[in-house]
Amino acid sequence: MPDAPGHYTQQLTNFLPMKRHLLIFQLFLIAHLAHCQPSEKRVTFEDYYQFGKNEYTDRNWPDCVAFMRRAIDDFRQFQDDTVNCRQKCDRLIKPAAPGASRIATFHETNESALCLLRCRKDMNGDHLTIRKMSTYFDMAERRPYQYMHICYYHQGELAMAVQSAYTFLVANPNDRDIRHSLEWYMEQPGYADEMLIDMERKDYEAKFINGVEAYDNQDWSRCVHEFETSLEKALKQDEACRILCQDKIDWKLVLNLLGRLNALHWTEYTFDRPFLFFKNLPIPVQRGAEAAQAVANYLLFDDNPLMRRNRYFYAKQFKKEELFTPSSEMLKVYEKREIELRYLNFMETRFVVRDDELHFFLKMAVSHYWRIIGT
């Protein structure tokens, strides 16, 4: 039955204010959208690096240097943000209790992933992922310095050219071109050995070099301090290196990238190196117990016959076998390394999946995942 005229009029009367409100909202929305511009794309180290290469090709030396330096600065910031986010989320996320169900472990993993996603978005905006992994590896391998030393030289800045070439050489000692370039720079008027500066030298490396210098000068107290500080900073750098490596495997390109990823591991510093000096240091400063522990720490990583002879000498002198107990910190490092080596050996020698097995392997993995979720 149709509505009565009076009822229809009442409906219209009730609708008109709503229509006015809807019209006002639509006009406001249109005006807002008209003034909104798409968010500008954030310029990152990937862009700066490409800009620098373009300017190098165009022989625009000042801009080549400027863009490459900006790329290096932004890359360092990107790495710092990545490490800070991971450490922040590790502090915030409560780990699953030992013996907890697998679903609890999955929950912890997912909660951590969400925390990392939000942290990175807060720090990097929309630049959450790296567009080209090849650019990341170029930056990690110090490729900008390969361009910068030429750009600096064409600007007449020999010292900066030498520093850039040397910085690249430290990370790429087998690069013949950069070695020839550096040898050529050394023959130029105005060259000095003081120009050989590694602009990417880490704090732990600088402290280690200071420790060796103090050792040569028999400044024992300073030597101990420098080596202990070097070891402390090296452990922090090791943690940061592991954090950065966690995000760098792109499984779509795994065959191409794993080789370069492996090459980036910072192998120039081993944890036994400071202890090689420690064994001689504490005696003059009356720290024999630390000397014995330094020997024990060293032998964790390197079963060196000379160090074993030192251990025998100290054992006869101190007559306390318990002094030769490695520090808890070094034991943790050693145990972690042993587990990692065992896992890497398994992956390299036994974890081999043929093409005809890949589909079955993935199917079983997915099935296993859903079986866990259902429990």
Protein backbone atom coordinates (compact mmCIF):
# COMPACT_ATOMS: atom_id res chain seq x y z
CA MET A 1 0.00 0.00 0.00
CA PRO A 2 1.51 3.42 -0.99
CA ASP A 3 2.46 5.83 1.77
CA ALA A 4 -0.01 8.56 2.57
CA PRO A 5 0.93 12.09 1.38
CA GLY A 6 1.41 13.28 4.93
CA HIS A 7 3.72 10.38 5.77
CA TYR A 8 5.81 11.03 2.62
CA THR A 9 6.09 14.72 3.48
CA GLN A 10 7.29 13.81 6.96
CA GLN A 11 9.94 11.45 5.50
CA LEU A 12 11.14 14.19 3.14
CA THR A 13 11.29 16.68 5.98
CA ASN A 14 13.45 14.26 8.00
CA PHE A 15 15.70 13.50 5.01
CA LEU A 16 16.49 17.09 3.96
CA PRO A 17 18.74 17.92 6.96
CA MET A 18 20.57 14.63 6.42
CA LYS A 19 20.99 15.48 2.76
CA ARG A 20 22.40 18.90 3.64
CA HIS A 21 24.90 17.29 6.02
CA LEU A 22 25.86 14.74 3.36
CA LEU A 23 26.32 17.49 0.76
CA ILE A 24 28.50 19.51 3.14
CA PHE A 25 30.62 16.42 3.84
CA GLN A 26 31.02 15.71 0.11
CA LEU A 27 32.07 19.30 -0.59
CA PHE A 28 34.57 19.18 2.26
CA LEU A 29 35.97 15.88 0.99
CA ILE A 30 36.32 17.21 -2.57
CA ALA A 31 38.05 20.35 -1.33
CA HIS A 32 40.38 18.29 0.85
CA LEU A 33 41.30 15.96 -1.99
CA ALA A 34 41.86 18.89 -4.32
CA HIS A 35 44.45 20.34 -1.97
CA CYS A 36 46.11 17.04 -1.14
CA GLN A 37 49.14 16.24 -3.19
CA PRO A 38 50.57 12.74 -3.46
CA SER A 39 53.25 12.21 -0.85
CA GLU A 40 56.65 12.88 -2.30
CA LYS A 41 58.92 9.91 -2.73
CA ARG A 42 61.71 9.90 -0.17
CA VAL A 43 65.15 10.17 -1.72
CA THR A 44 67.37 7.40 -0.34
CA PHE A 45 70.92 6.14 -0.69
CA GLU A 46 69.77 4.14 -3.71
CA ASP A 47 68.78 7.34 -5.51
CA TYR A 48 71.83 9.32 -4.41
CA TYR A 49 74.13 6.53 -5.55
CA GLN A 50 72.52 6.48 -9.00
CA PHE A 51 72.66 10.29 -9.20
CA GLY A 52 76.36 10.11 -8.35
CA LYS A 53 77.03 7.57 -11.08
CA ASN A 54 75.16 9.74 -13.56
CA GLU A 55 77.27 12.77 -12.66
CA TYR A 56 80.41 10.65 -12.94
CA THR A 57 79.40 9.65 -16.47
CA ASP A 58 78.77 13.32 -17.30
CA ARG A 59 82.18 14.23 -15.82
CA ASN A 60 80.52 16.58 -13.35
CA TRP A 61 83.07 15.95 -10.62
CA PRO A 62 81.75 18.19 -7.79
CA ASP A 63 78.23 16.77 -8.01
CA CYS A 64 79.62 13.25 -8.30
CA VAL A 65 81.36 13.71 -4.94
CA ALA A 66 78.36 15.41 -3.35
CA PHE A 67 75.88 12.70 -4.32
CA MET A 68 78.21 9.85 -3.37
CA ARG A 69 78.88 11.38 0.05
CA ARG A 70 75.14 11.83 0.56
CA ALA A 71 74.57 8.20 -0.43
CA ILE A 72 77.16 7.05 2.11
CA ASP A 73 75.61 9.14 4.90
CA ASP A 74 72.09 7.92 4.15
CA PHE A 75 73.26 4.31 3.96
CA ARG A 76 74.87 4.59 7.39
CA GLN A 77 71.64 6.04 8.76
CA PHE A 78 69.64 3.23 7.16
CA GLN A 79 71.87 0.64 8.81
CA ASP A 80 71.70 2.38 12.19
CA ASP A 81 67.90 2.52 11.99
CA THR A 82 67.72 -1.16 11.09
CA VAL A 83 69.87 -2.15 14.06
CA ASN A 84 68.01 0.17 16.44
CA CYS A 85 64.62 -1.22 15.39
CA ARG A 86 65.72 -4.80 15.88
CA GLN A 87 67.19 -4.06 19.31
CA LYS A 88 64.11 -2.09 20.33
CA CYS A 89 61.75 -4.91 19.35
CA ASP A 90 63.93 -7.49 21.07
CA ARG A 91 63.51 -5.48 24.27
CA LEU A 92 59.75 -5.02 23.88
CA ILE A 93 58.69 -8.50 22.76
CA LYS A 94 58.44 -11.05 25.53
CA PRO A 95 60.15 -14.26 24.37
CA ALA A 96 58.25 -17.52 24.45
CA ALA A 97 58.95 -19.51 27.59
CA PRO A 98 61.21 -22.56 27.27
CA GLY A 99 59.09 -25.60 26.47
CA ALA A 100 56.17 -23.47 25.25
CA SER A 101 53.98 -24.75 22.43
CA ARG A 102 55.01 -24.04 18.87
CA ILE A 103 52.07 -21.70 18.40
CA ALA A 104 53.56 -19.53 21.16
CA THR A 105 56.80 -19.36 19.18
CA PHE A 106 54.88 -18.39 16.05
CA HIS A 107 53.08 -15.71 18.04
CA GLU A 108 56.40 -14.30 19.23
CA THR A 109 57.73 -14.27 15.65
CA ASN A 110 54.64 -12.52 14.28
CA GLU A 111 54.61 -9.97 17.09
CA SER A 112 58.27 -9.22 16.43
CA ALA A 113 57.61 -8.86 12.69
CA LEU A 114 54.80 -6.37 13.34
CA CYS A 115 56.99 -4.39 15.74
CA LEU A 116 59.79 -4.22 13.15
CA LEU A 117 57.39 -3.15 10.41
CA ARG A 118 56.00 -0.27 12.47
CA CYS A 119 59.41 0.81 13.74
CA ARG A 120 60.86 0.91 10.24
CA LYS A 121 57.86 2.82 8.95
CA ASP A 122 58.29 5.39 11.71
CA MET A 123 61.98 5.80 10.85
CA ASN A 124 61.96 5.40 7.09
CA GLY A 125 58.45 6.32 6.02
CA ASP A 126 57.44 4.41 2.90
CA HIS A 127 61.02 3.30 2.28
CA LEU A 128 60.57 0.01 4.10
CA THR A 129 62.41 -2.22 1.69
CA ILE A 130 65.40 -1.94 -0.60
CA ARG A 131 64.41 -1.70 -4.24
CA LYS A 132 67.62 -3.19 -5.63
CA MET A 133 69.72 -5.47 -3.48
CA SER A 134 72.64 -4.94 -5.86
CA THR A 135 72.74 -1.31 -4.72
CA TYR A 136 72.82 -2.38 -1.08
CA PHE A 137 75.79 -4.64 -1.73
CA ASP A 138 77.55 -1.92 -3.71
CA MET A 139 77.25 0.36 -0.69
CA ALA A 140 78.39 -2.35 1.73
CA GLU A 141 81.37 -3.07 -0.52
CA ARG A 142 82.29 0.65 -0.52
CA ARG A 143 81.71 1.08 -4.27
CA PRO A 144 81.01 4.83 -3.98
CA TYR A 145 84.68 5.36 -3.06
CA GLN A 146 85.63 3.68 -6.33
CA TYR A 147 84.01 6.62 -8.12
CA MET A 148 84.92 9.28 -5.59
CA HIS A 149 88.68 8.89 -5.83
CA ILE A 150 88.54 9.72 -9.55
CA CYS A 151 86.15 12.63 -9.00
CA TYR A 152 88.36 14.03 -6.23
CA TYR A 153 91.47 13.74 -8.38
CA HIS A 154 89.87 15.66 -11.25
CA GLN A 155 89.05 18.41 -8.73
CA GLY A 156 92.70 18.62 -7.76
CA GLU A 157 92.17 17.11 -4.29
CA LEU A 158 94.96 14.54 -4.11
CA ALA A 159 94.60 13.85 -0.38
CA MET A 160 90.90 13.03 -0.67
CA ALA A 161 91.54 10.96 -3.80
CA VAL A 162 94.12 8.90 -1.90
CA GLN A 163 91.80 8.49 1.10
CA SER A 164 88.93 7.35 -1.12
CA ALA A 165 91.09 4.91 -3.06
CA TYR A 166 92.60 3.51 0.14
CA THR A 167 89.16 3.18 1.77
CA PHE A 168 87.95 1.13 -1.18
CA LEU A 169 91.13 -0.96 -1.22
CA VAL A 170 90.72 -1.96 2.44
CA ALA A 171 87.41 -3.66 1.61
CA ASN A 172 88.56 -4.91 -1.80
CA PRO A 173 92.24 -5.89 -1.45
CA ASN A 174 92.21 -8.00 -4.61
CA ASP A 175 90.98 -5.22 -6.90
CA ARG A 176 93.87 -4.64 -9.31
CA ASP A 177 92.56 -1.36 -10.73
CA ILE A 178 92.36 0.36 -7.36
CA ARG A 179 95.82 -0.93 -6.41
CA HIS A 180 97.30 0.49 -9.60
CA SER A 181 95.49 3.79 -9.02
CA LEU A 182 96.82 4.04 -5.48
CA GLU A 183 100.35 3.22 -6.63
CA TRP A 184 100.05 5.97 -9.22
CA TYR A 185 98.85 8.47 -6.60
CA MET A 186 101.87 7.61 -4.46
CA GLU A 187 104.15 8.80 -7.24
CA GLN A 188 102.47 12.19 -7.56
CA PRO A 189 103.97 15.41 -6.15
CA GLY A 190 102.48 16.26 -2.78
CA TYR A 191 101.72 12.68 -1.75
CA ALA A 192 102.33 11.69 1.89
CA ASP A 193 101.77 8.43 3.74
CA GLU A 194 99.56 10.31 6.19
CA MET A 195 96.96 10.41 3.42
CA LEU A 196 96.39 6.65 3.76
CA ILE A 197 93.28 6.91 5.91
CA ASP A 198 90.42 4.43 5.97
CA MET A 199 87.36 6.65 6.14
CA GLU A 200 85.18 3.65 7.10
CA ARG A 201 87.38 2.44 9.96
CA LYS A 202 85.30 1.11 12.84
CA ASP A 203 85.81 2.14 16.44
CA TYR A 204 87.02 -1.31 17.47
CA GLU A 205 89.68 -1.22 14.74
CA ALA A 206 90.96 2.16 15.86
CA LYS A 207 91.13 0.96 19.47
CA PHE A 208 92.96 -2.19 18.45
CA ILE A 209 95.55 -0.17 16.52
CA ASN A 210 95.98 2.09 19.56
CA GLY A 211 96.51 -1.00 21.70
CA VAL A 212 99.24 -2.33 19.40
CA GLU A 213 100.95 1.06 19.50
CA ALA A 214 100.81 1.11 23.31
CA TYR A 215 102.14 -2.46 23.38
CA ASP A 216 105.12 -1.50 21.25
CA ASN A 217 105.77 1.43 23.61
CA GLN A 218 105.40 -0.85 26.66
CA ASP A 219 102.64 1.40 27.98
CA TRP A 220 100.96 -1.55 29.68
CA SER A 221 98.07 0.19 31.43
CA ARG A 222 97.00 2.03 28.30
CA CYS A 223 97.49 -1.13 26.27
CA VAL A 224 95.12 -3.12 28.48
CA HIS A 225 92.53 -0.35 28.33
CA GLU A 226 92.69 -0.04 24.54
CA PHE A 227 92.44 -3.78 23.92
CA GLU A 228 89.60 -4.24 26.39
CA THR A 229 87.71 -1.36 24.78
CA SER A 230 88.42 -2.81 21.34
CA LEU A 231 86.98 -6.17 22.36
CA GLU A 232 83.89 -4.54 23.87
CA LYS A 233 83.24 -2.53 20.71
CA ALA A 234 83.95 -5.56 18.51
CA LEU A 235 81.26 -7.55 20.30
CA LYS A 236 78.76 -4.74 19.70
CA GLN A 237 79.77 -4.56 16.05
CA ASP A 238 79.39 -8.32 15.76
CA GLU A 239 75.83 -8.06 17.07
CA ALA A 240 75.04 -5.23 14.63
CA CYS A 241 76.51 -7.23 11.76
CA ARG A 242 74.29 -10.20 12.57
CA ILE A 243 71.22 -7.99 12.76
CA LEU A 244 71.95 -6.49 9.35
CA CYS A 245 72.51 -9.94 7.83
CA GLN A 246 69.12 -11.17 9.06
CA ASP A 247 67.29 -8.99 6.55
CA LYS A 248 69.59 -9.36 3.58
CA ILE A 249 68.66 -12.72 2.06
CA ASP A 250 66.30 -12.26 -0.86
CA TRP A 251 65.03 -15.77 -1.54
CA LYS A 252 63.89 -14.78 -5.03
CA LEU A 253 67.55 -14.27 -5.94
CA VAL A 254 69.16 -16.50 -3.39
CA LEU A 255 71.70 -18.07 -5.75
CA ASN A 256 73.03 -14.67 -6.83
CA LEU A 257 73.06 -12.98 -3.46
CA LEU A 258 74.33 -15.51 -0.95
CA GLY A 259 77.84 -15.34 -2.33
CA ARG A 260 77.99 -11.57 -1.94
CA LEU A 261 76.35 -11.79 1.47
CA ASN A 262 78.99 -14.23 2.65
CA ALA A 263 81.74 -11.94 1.38
CA LEU A 264 80.44 -9.08 3.53
CA HIS A 265 81.08 -10.82 6.83
CA TRP A 266 83.68 -8.78 8.66
CA THR A 267 86.47 -11.31 8.93
CA GLU A 268 89.32 -8.86 9.48
CA TYR A 269 88.82 -8.97 13.26
CA THR A 270 88.82 -12.21 15.24
CA PHE A 271 88.06 -12.30 18.94
CA ASP A 272 91.28 -14.09 19.80
CA ARG A 273 93.52 -11.25 18.57
CA PRO A 274 93.45 -9.03 21.69
CA PHE A 275 94.18 -12.05 23.89
CA LEU A 276 97.33 -12.68 21.87
CA PHE A 277 98.63 -9.44 23.42
CA PHE A 278 96.85 -9.82 26.76
CA LYS A 279 98.94 -12.85 27.67
CA ASN A 280 102.03 -10.61 27.96
CA LEU A 281 100.36 -7.57 29.49
CA PRO A 282 98.99 -8.23 32.95
CA ILE A 283 102.26 -9.54 34.46
CA PRO A 284 103.95 -6.09 34.47
CA VAL A 285 100.79 -4.54 35.91
CA GLN A 286 100.27 -7.30 38.49
CA ARG A 287 97.27 -8.91 36.78
CA GLY A 288 98.42 -12.50 36.46
CA ALA A 289 94.92 -13.95 36.92
CA GLU A 290 93.71 -11.99 33.89
CA ALA A 291 96.74 -13.21 31.94
CA ALA A 292 95.72 -16.81 32.63
CA GLN A 293 92.14 -16.12 31.63
CA ALA A 294 93.33 -14.35 28.48
CA VAL A 295 95.25 -17.49 27.51
CA ALA A 296 92.13 -19.61 28.11
CA ASN A 297 90.02 -17.23 26.03
CA TYR A 298 92.51 -17.34 23.17
CA LEU A 299 92.64 -21.14 23.15
CA LEU A 300 88.86 -21.25 22.70
CA PHE A 301 89.27 -19.87 19.19
CA ASP A 302 92.77 -21.01 18.19
CA ASP A 303 94.60 -24.08 19.48
CA ASN A 304 97.96 -22.41 18.96
CA PRO A 305 101.06 -24.37 20.12
CA LEU A 306 102.78 -21.16 21.25
CA MET A 307 99.77 -20.23 23.37
CA ARG A 308 99.69 -23.71 24.83
CA ARG A 309 103.31 -23.23 25.87
CA ASN A 310 102.33 -19.94 27.54
CA ARG A 311 99.57 -21.78 29.35
CA TYR A 312 102.09 -24.33 30.63
CA PHE A 313 104.39 -21.52 31.80
CA TYR A 314 101.59 -19.73 33.69
CA ALA A 315 100.31 -23.00 35.18
CA LYS A 316 103.73 -23.70 36.68
CA GLN A 317 103.96 -20.15 38.01
CA PHE A 318 100.46 -19.77 39.50
CA LYS A 319 99.74 -23.43 40.35
CA LYS A 320 95.99 -22.79 40.11
CA GLU A 321 94.26 -24.64 37.29
CA GLU A 322 90.98 -22.82 37.93
CA LEU A 323 92.57 -19.59 36.70
CA PHE A 324 92.50 -20.99 33.17
CA THR A 325 88.73 -20.73 32.87
CA PRO A 326 87.43 -18.71 29.91
CA SER A 327 85.24 -15.73 30.70
CA SER A 328 81.48 -16.28 30.50
CA GLU A 329 81.22 -13.67 27.75
CA MET A 330 83.77 -15.41 25.54
CA LEU A 331 82.18 -18.78 26.24
CA LYS A 332 78.87 -17.45 24.92
CA VAL A 333 80.58 -16.16 21.79
CA TYR A 334 82.36 -19.49 21.29
CA GLU A 335 79.20 -21.56 21.78
CA LYS A 336 77.27 -19.35 19.39
CA ARG A 337 80.00 -19.70 16.76
CA GLU A 338 80.07 -23.48 17.14
CA ILE A 339 76.30 -23.74 16.65
CA GLU A 340 76.47 -21.46 13.62
CA LEU A 341 79.32 -23.43 12.06
CA ARG A 342 77.43 -26.68 12.57
CA TYR A 343 74.33 -25.18 10.97
CA LEU A 344 76.28 -23.72 8.04
CA ASN A 345 77.95 -27.06 7.46
CA PHE A 346 74.54 -28.74 7.37
CA MET A 347 73.18 -26.18 4.90
CA GLU A 348 76.20 -26.46 2.61
CA THR A 349 76.68 -30.22 2.63
CA ARG A 350 73.33 -31.84 3.37
CA PHE A 351 70.51 -29.37 2.73
CA VAL A 352 70.36 -29.93 -1.01
CA VAL A 353 66.96 -29.83 -2.71
CA ARG A 354 66.69 -30.97 -6.31
CA ASP A 355 64.31 -29.23 -8.70
CA ASP A 356 61.88 -32.15 -8.66
CA GLU A 357 61.82 -32.06 -4.86
CA LEU A 358 61.20 -28.33 -4.44
CA HIS A 359 57.43 -28.42 -4.98
CA PHE A 360 57.06 -31.36 -2.60
CA PHE A 361 59.28 -29.65 -0.02
CA LEU A 362 57.20 -26.45 -0.09
CA LYS A 363 53.96 -28.41 0.07
CA MET A 364 55.17 -30.30 3.13
CA ALA A 365 56.34 -27.07 4.78
CA VAL A 366 52.93 -25.41 4.30
CA SER A 367 51.14 -28.53 5.52
CA HIS A 368 53.38 -28.64 8.59
CA TYR A 369 52.69 -24.97 9.31
CA TRP A 370 48.90 -25.40 9.23
CA ARG A 371 49.12 -28.54 11.33
CA ILE A 372 50.95 -26.50 13.98
CA ILE A 373 48.39 -23.70 13.76
CA GLY A 374 45.60 -26.19 14.30
CA THR A 375 47.13 -27.63 17.47
